[in-house]
Amino acid sequence: MLTLDQVRSFVAVAEELHFGRAAERLQMTQPPLSRQIQKLERAIGVQLLERDNRKVELTGAGEAFLEEAYRLLNMVEGAGDLARRVDAGAAGVVRLGFTAVSAISILGPLLRRLTAELPDVEVLLSERVTMAQVEGIRRGEIDLGLARPPFDTELLSSRVILREPLMAVVPVEHPLAAIDRPLIATDFDAETVIGYHPQQSRYFHELSVRFLANAHPRIEQRVHQVLTAMLLASAERGLAFVPASAASLHVDGVVLKDLAHHGGDTRLDADPERPVEVHAIWADASLSPVVRRVLGVVERLAAES
């Protein structure tokens, strides 16, 4: 069986065409170098070098083997380099969960930044609602999530990576569209409002209910997705509430109106003017070097936004 030491010895002799210079280059004496070449030739069953007291030359088989030897050594060197980069978190695979709405605001910029900063990291995407992301992290199916609260803070670590305002979606012909000020809760008294499902879209359901605490709108329909709420509003089926980043969906026939928030969130880190949050979530026990590097990119992107 041939060894890497034998292959390296052959390459040195093939390039120097002189056993003495090759031995000096490999920092060894000539007799063990000659034995390495002999073992290599026996292992592959052909003569690779013509040598006598005056010169050393490659045989035809030696010339062919030299090309493969270069390829083999490059592959081994590349494998070692890859292992070192994986160990340092600069290469590998990260399984990233995200919600549909988080994709609007942060997923695109994040993927572009990862391509630029960690080109050897492969990101496998998995669209899941927050609770499915939590379960996926628990089962080891995803490494890092982009999710909405609430989630089990005893099971997971998290960091807020985006805060943005909640806004009202108003049909362009609706009287509220012409009001030149942020809308307040009582502006929605007796208005038809498109609500969110209290289980499947718990986060936006609770944000909407919190804002409308002092109002009495008519909730005739409940939906699961922000885009669905916007499309129903554009069809004049009611008013809706969405994160500010939903403006990038460019739904025709509606305008997005600012809301006048008056607090109400008792969390110390909450921002009443930007109540809509995206969190990075992960399990500390599964935070590998590559996931740690990706999380660092997420945090830097969040700090710039």
Foldseek 3Di string as FASTA:
>chain_A
DADLVLLLLLLLCAVVQDQCVSCVVVVHDRPVSVVSPVVVCVVVVHRQWDDDPPTIHGDPVVVVVNVVSVVVVVVVVVVVVQVVCQQQQLAEEFEEEEEPQVCLPPVVVLVVLCCVRRVRYHYHYDYDAPVVVVVCQVVVNGFKYWYFDDDDCVQKPKDWLDFFAKWKKAFCPDPVVPDPDAAALQVQAQFEEAAADCPLQVRRNVVVCQRNVPHHYHHDHHYNDPVVRNQCNQVVVGMYMDTPSCVVVVDPRIDIGHHDFDDPDPDPPADRRGRTTIMMMGGPVSCRSNNVVSVVSSNVNSVVD
